[in-house]
Amino acid sequence: MHSSTMKITTATRAGSPHVACEDRVRTGPGLVVVVDGVTTVADGADVLGGTYADVLAGEVLALASDPRTDLRTALADGISRTTQALQLPPQTVPGSSAQATVTVGRVRGTRFEAAAIGDSPVAAIGIDGSVRVLTDNRLATLVRDRPARLEQWERLRSGAGRIGDQRHRELMQEIMRGLADAVNTPGGYWIAGADPRAGQHAVIADWPLDELADILVVTDGISVAVDKYQVLTWPQIARLCRTEGPEAVLTLVEEADASDPFGQRWPRAKPGDDKGLGHLQLTA
């Protein structure tokens, strides 16, 4: 199927009415780039996640638009260009410099190919109803069993604490400090920041285009509805995008966030995350 016959729709929304959305979704013919700007947590950081996400999304879109350019190369060169444009200093501690997850999906000939750095997944729904997911779980695996994370989640589940209280914030900082030696390091995890090498360590996948009906490229503010809340499935999200549009998906996830404001049912870092979604409809 030629990319010109595809329908691409997108939507983004801030996770809180009090802050600007740091998710970005950019599209071209048969191409979607999704960037989730990581909220900068260090004092004195000059570049915010949303600014970094803006520049990176544009650079990766331009590079990936050339089908001769490998997606990992597009990511690496996009990070390099963004670092130069924003004059980013080397990152020393996670959160000390602007950074983002970035995922790109592209039609190339008879295949759909995808590459991801960080937890913004791609879900491909087959004509036969099958689901294939590309996700980068390296950071989640590193953090999952750390004492600070276990304490954080247990406080929320038990009702002893709530998202955003002082101890919750302290534990978040402790988790981030504990990752200082793991960021953009083999055996650790990779994130778009000031190190272009991250692009070459993206996780990748590709699938035959003629087997697919829908492709979703989303940030974790959307994927949480599938992998944590379990209130939606990938096929249901695709169906909603087709029938009501991607904004309807964002609204449903936002309602799920609001139903558990303190994180007792679904322990998490913040009450609601920014949401970004790109939907490629491949069949009528």
Protein backbone atom coordinates (compact mmCIF):
# COMPACT_ATOMS: atom_id res chain seq x y z
CA MET A 1 0.00 0.00 0.00
CA HIS A 2 1.38 3.40 -0.92
CA SER A 3 1.71 5.91 1.92
CA SER A 4 -0.50 8.41 0.10
CA THR A 5 -3.52 6.15 0.71
CA MET A 6 -3.02 6.19 4.46
CA LYS A 7 -4.91 8.31 6.91
CA ILE A 8 -2.84 9.72 9.77
CA THR A 9 -4.43 11.43 12.77
CA THR A 10 -2.78 12.77 15.92
CA ALA A 11 -3.56 14.31 19.27
CA THR A 12 -1.67 15.61 22.30
CA ARG A 13 -2.82 16.81 25.70
CA ALA A 14 -1.15 18.01 28.87
CA GLY A 15 -1.32 15.72 31.90
CA SER A 16 -2.20 18.65 34.13
CA PRO A 17 -4.02 21.92 33.41
CA HIS A 18 -1.27 23.74 35.32
CA VAL A 19 1.66 22.82 33.05
CA ALA A 20 2.35 22.86 29.32
CA CYS A 21 2.31 19.58 27.41
CA GLU A 22 5.82 18.28 26.68
CA ASP A 23 4.71 15.54 24.24
CA ARG A 24 5.11 16.19 20.54
CA VAL A 25 3.71 14.28 17.53
CA ARG A 26 4.99 15.17 14.05
CA THR A 27 3.98 13.50 10.80
CA GLY A 28 4.96 13.27 7.15
CA PRO A 29 3.87 10.94 4.33
CA GLY A 30 3.84 7.47 5.87
CA LEU A 31 5.86 8.78 8.81
CA VAL A 32 5.18 9.51 12.49
CA VAL A 33 7.59 10.85 15.11
CA VAL A 34 6.55 10.91 18.76
CA VAL A 35 8.68 12.64 21.38
CA ASP A 36 7.99 12.73 25.12
CA GLY A 37 9.98 15.54 26.70
CA VAL A 38 11.18 14.48 30.14
CA THR A 39 10.38 17.05 32.80
CA THR A 40 13.68 18.54 33.94
CA VAL A 41 14.07 17.97 37.67
CA ALA A 42 17.45 19.53 38.46
CA ASP A 43 17.72 23.09 39.75
CA GLY A 44 19.27 25.49 37.27
CA ALA A 45 18.58 23.43 34.13
CA ASP A 46 18.25 25.85 31.23
CA VAL A 47 16.31 23.84 28.64
CA LEU A 48 12.93 22.35 29.46
CA GLY A 49 11.71 19.03 28.11
CA GLY A 50 9.13 20.64 25.85
CA THR A 51 11.71 22.84 24.14
CA TYR A 52 13.99 19.88 23.60
CA ALA A 53 11.07 17.79 22.30
CA ASP A 54 10.12 20.50 19.80
CA VAL A 55 13.55 20.66 18.24
CA LEU A 56 14.21 16.92 18.32
CA ALA A 57 10.86 16.04 16.73
CA GLY A 58 11.52 18.37 13.82
CA GLU A 59 15.07 17.14 13.26
CA VAL A 60 14.14 13.45 13.36
CA LEU A 61 11.17 14.03 11.05
CA ALA A 62 13.39 15.73 8.48
CA LEU A 63 16.05 13.02 8.61
CA ALA A 64 13.66 10.06 8.60
CA SER A 65 11.79 11.49 5.62
CA ASP A 66 14.65 10.24 3.45
CA PRO A 67 14.05 6.48 3.01
CA ARG A 68 17.76 5.98 2.40
CA THR A 69 18.46 6.98 5.99
CA ASP A 70 18.39 4.18 8.55
CA LEU A 71 16.10 5.02 11.46
CA ARG A 72 18.83 4.58 14.07
CA THR A 73 20.98 6.99 12.09
CA ALA A 74 18.09 9.44 11.85
CA LEU A 75 17.74 9.31 15.64
CA ALA A 76 21.46 9.68 16.31
CA ASP A 77 21.86 12.57 13.87
CA GLY A 78 18.66 14.18 15.17
CA ILE A 79 20.02 14.11 18.72
CA SER A 80 23.33 15.55 17.51
CA ARG A 81 21.62 18.41 15.67
CA THR A 82 19.37 19.14 18.65
CA THR A 83 22.31 19.16 21.04
CA GLN A 84 24.10 21.68 18.84
CA ALA A 85 21.02 23.84 18.27
CA LEU A 86 20.28 24.10 22.00
CA GLN A 87 23.93 24.11 23.08
CA LEU A 88 23.29 21.37 25.60
CA PRO A 89 25.99 20.53 28.14
CA PRO A 90 26.95 16.88 28.72
CA GLN A 91 24.48 15.18 31.03
CA THR A 92 25.94 14.17 34.38
CA VAL A 93 22.85 13.04 36.28
CA PRO A 94 19.45 12.01 34.85
CA GLY A 95 17.34 15.15 34.86
CA SER A 96 20.32 17.53 34.82
CA SER A 97 19.93 18.17 31.11
CA ALA A 98 16.96 18.23 28.78
CA GLN A 99 16.05 14.78 27.50
CA ALA A 100 13.21 12.84 25.92
CA THR A 101 11.97 9.52 24.75
CA VAL A 102 11.66 9.40 20.97
CA THR A 103 9.98 6.91 18.67
CA VAL A 104 9.74 6.97 14.90
CA GLY A 105 7.62 4.79 12.64
CA ARG A 106 7.91 4.80 8.86
CA VAL A 107 6.59 3.10 5.76
CA ARG A 108 9.53 1.95 3.66
CA GLY A 109 8.64 0.00 0.56
CA THR A 110 6.50 -2.97 1.55
CA ARG A 111 7.43 -2.79 5.25
CA PHE A 112 6.59 -0.66 8.25
CA GLU A 113 9.65 -0.06 10.38
CA ALA A 114 9.99 1.50 13.82
CA ALA A 115 12.71 2.53 16.24
CA ALA A 116 12.35 3.64 19.87
CA ILE A 117 14.49 5.12 22.61
CA GLY A 118 12.54 5.10 25.86
CA ASP A 119 9.03 4.08 26.80
CA SER A 120 6.96 5.41 23.89
CA PRO A 121 5.78 2.21 22.17
CA VAL A 122 4.52 1.27 18.74
CA ALA A 123 1.55 -1.10 18.44
CA ALA A 124 0.76 -2.66 15.07
CA ILE A 125 -2.70 -4.23 14.76
CA GLY A 126 -2.95 -6.87 12.07
CA ILE A 127 -5.76 -7.37 9.61
CA ASP A 128 -6.29 -10.67 11.44
CA GLY A 129 -6.58 -8.90 14.81
CA SER A 130 -3.10 -9.82 16.00
CA VAL A 131 -1.08 -7.24 17.94
CA ARG A 132 2.65 -6.66 17.67
CA VAL A 133 4.30 -4.18 20.03
CA LEU A 134 7.70 -2.55 20.00
CA THR A 135 8.68 -1.12 23.37
CA ASP A 136 11.89 -0.16 25.10
CA ASN A 137 11.65 -1.48 28.67
CA ARG A 138 15.29 -1.08 29.68
CA LEU A 139 14.68 1.75 32.16
CA ALA A 140 11.62 0.07 33.68
CA THR A 141 13.61 -3.12 34.20
CA LEU A 142 16.40 -1.24 35.95
CA VAL A 143 14.06 0.63 38.28
CA ARG A 144 11.45 -2.03 39.01
CA ASP A 145 13.04 -3.75 42.02
CA ARG A 146 15.01 -0.87 43.54
CA PRO A 147 14.24 -0.29 47.22
CA ALA A 148 13.16 3.31 46.63
CA ARG A 149 10.67 2.26 43.94
CA LEU A 150 9.33 -0.61 46.06
CA GLU A 151 8.82 1.77 48.99
CA GLN A 152 7.22 4.36 46.75
CA TRP A 153 4.68 1.93 45.28
CA GLU A 154 3.91 0.30 48.67
CA ARG A 155 3.19 3.69 50.26
CA LEU A 156 0.69 4.41 47.52
CA ARG A 157 -0.99 0.98 47.54
CA SER A 158 -1.42 1.01 51.31
CA GLY A 159 -2.73 4.56 51.46
CA ALA A 160 0.17 5.61 53.70
CA GLY A 161 1.22 8.14 51.10
CA ARG A 162 -0.03 9.82 47.98
CA ILE A 163 1.41 10.95 44.66
CA GLY A 164 3.24 14.23 45.11
CA ASP A 165 3.69 14.22 48.88
CA GLN A 166 7.12 15.00 50.30
CA ARG A 167 8.28 11.42 50.72
CA HIS A 168 7.06 10.52 47.22
CA ARG A 169 9.17 13.35 45.79
CA GLU A 170 12.19 12.34 47.88
CA LEU A 171 11.96 8.77 46.62
CA MET A 172 11.70 9.99 43.03
CA GLN A 173 14.90 11.98 43.46
CA GLU A 174 16.58 8.97 45.05
CA ILE A 175 15.60 6.80 42.09
CA MET A 176 17.00 9.34 39.64
CA ARG A 177 20.29 9.68 41.52
CA GLY A 178 20.64 5.92 41.57
CA LEU A 179 20.50 5.86 37.77
CA ALA A 180 23.44 8.23 37.28
CA ASP A 181 25.80 5.43 36.28
CA ALA A 182 23.25 3.70 34.05
CA VAL A 183 22.10 6.47 31.71
CA ASN A 184 23.32 6.09 28.12
CA THR A 185 25.61 3.24 29.10
CA PRO A 186 25.77 -0.31 27.70
CA GLY A 187 23.89 -2.53 30.13
CA GLY A 188 21.94 0.47 31.41
CA TYR A 189 19.31 2.42 29.54
CA TRP A 190 19.31 4.93 26.69
CA ILE A 191 17.53 8.25 26.40
CA ALA A 192 17.70 11.11 23.93
CA GLY A 193 19.66 13.90 25.58
CA ALA A 194 23.09 15.25 24.77
CA ASP A 195 24.61 11.94 23.64
CA PRO A 196 23.96 11.01 19.98
CA ARG A 197 25.09 7.43 20.65
CA ALA A 198 21.65 6.81 22.12
CA GLY A 199 20.20 6.77 18.60
CA GLN A 200 22.30 3.78 17.61
CA HIS A 201 20.99 1.87 20.65
CA ALA A 202 17.31 2.28 19.77
CA VAL A 203 15.20 -0.87 19.83
CA ILE A 204 13.87 -1.65 16.35
CA ALA A 205 11.26 -3.74 14.57
CA ASP A 206 9.65 -4.01 11.16
CA TRP A 207 6.56 -5.76 9.82
CA PRO A 208 5.01 -6.50 6.40
CA LEU A 209 2.76 -3.58 5.56
CA ASP A 210 0.12 -5.68 3.81
CA GLU A 211 -0.56 -7.59 7.05
CA LEU A 212 -1.45 -4.47 9.05
CA ALA A 213 -4.69 -2.56 9.54
CA ASP A 214 -3.66 0.09 12.08
CA ILE A 215 -0.47 1.39 13.67
CA LEU A 216 -0.34 3.36 16.91
CA VAL A 217 2.70 5.36 17.98
CA VAL A 218 2.13 6.75 21.46
CA THR A 219 3.76 8.14 24.57
CA ASP A 220 3.53 6.38 27.92
CA GLY A 221 0.70 8.68 28.93
CA ILE A 222 -1.41 6.61 26.52
CA SER A 223 0.20 3.17 26.80
CA VAL A 224 -0.43 3.20 30.56
CA ALA A 225 -4.10 2.55 29.77
CA VAL A 226 -3.08 -0.79 28.25
CA ASP A 227 -0.12 -2.01 30.30
CA LYS A 228 -0.92 -0.62 33.77
CA TYR A 229 -4.57 0.43 34.02
CA GLN A 230 -5.78 -2.31 31.67
CA VAL A 231 -8.86 -0.27 30.80
CA LEU A 232 -8.18 -0.38 27.04
CA THR A 233 -6.55 -2.74 24.57
CA TRP A 234 -4.53 -1.73 21.52
CA PRO A 235 -7.30 -2.84 19.13
CA GLN A 236 -9.83 -0.81 21.14
CA ILE A 237 -7.62 2.28 20.89
CA ALA A 238 -7.30 1.80 17.14
CA ARG A 239 -11.07 1.37 16.83
CA LEU A 240 -11.69 4.57 18.79
CA CYS A 241 -9.25 6.46 16.57
CA ARG A 242 -11.16 5.27 13.52
CA THR A 243 -14.67 5.97 14.82
CA GLU A 244 -14.32 8.97 17.13
CA GLY A 245 -10.78 10.24 16.59
CA PRO A 246 -7.69 10.20 18.81
CA GLU A 247 -9.03 12.90 21.13
CA ALA A 248 -11.59 10.37 22.36
CA VAL A 249 -8.75 8.07 23.42
CA LEU A 250 -7.05 10.88 25.34
CA THR A 251 -10.30 11.66 27.13
CA LEU A 252 -10.81 8.06 28.25
CA VAL A 253 -7.26 7.79 29.60
CA GLU A 254 -7.62 11.16 31.31
CA GLU A 255 -10.79 9.90 33.02
CA ALA A 256 -8.91 6.82 34.23
CA ASP A 257 -6.15 9.05 35.63
CA ALA A 258 -8.73 11.14 37.47
CA SER A 259 -10.43 8.08 38.98
CA ASP A 260 -7.27 7.32 40.99
CA PRO A 261 -5.74 10.70 41.85
CA PHE A 262 -3.53 9.48 44.70
CA GLY A 263 -2.14 6.37 43.00
CA GLN A 264 -3.64 3.74 45.31
CA ARG A 265 -5.13 1.61 42.56
CA TRP A 266 -2.35 2.20 40.04
CA PRO A 267 0.89 3.33 41.73
CA ARG A 268 2.74 5.76 39.47
CA ALA A 269 4.98 8.82 39.51
CA LYS A 270 2.33 11.51 38.92
CA PRO A 271 -1.48 11.76 38.82
CA GLY A 272 -1.67 12.24 35.06
CA ASP A 273 0.96 12.24 32.37
CA ASP A 274 1.14 14.17 29.11
CA LYS A 275 -0.48 12.24 26.28
CA GLY A 276 0.62 11.96 22.67
CA LEU A 277 -0.84 9.68 20.01
CA GLY A 278 -0.29 9.11 16.31
CA HIS A 279 -2.64 6.73 14.44
CA LEU A 280 -2.00 5.37 10.97
CA GLN A 281 -5.07 3.79 9.38
CA LEU A 282 -3.94 1.40 6.67
CA THR A 283 -7.19 -0.28 5.61
CA ALA A 284 -10.68 1.01 4.89
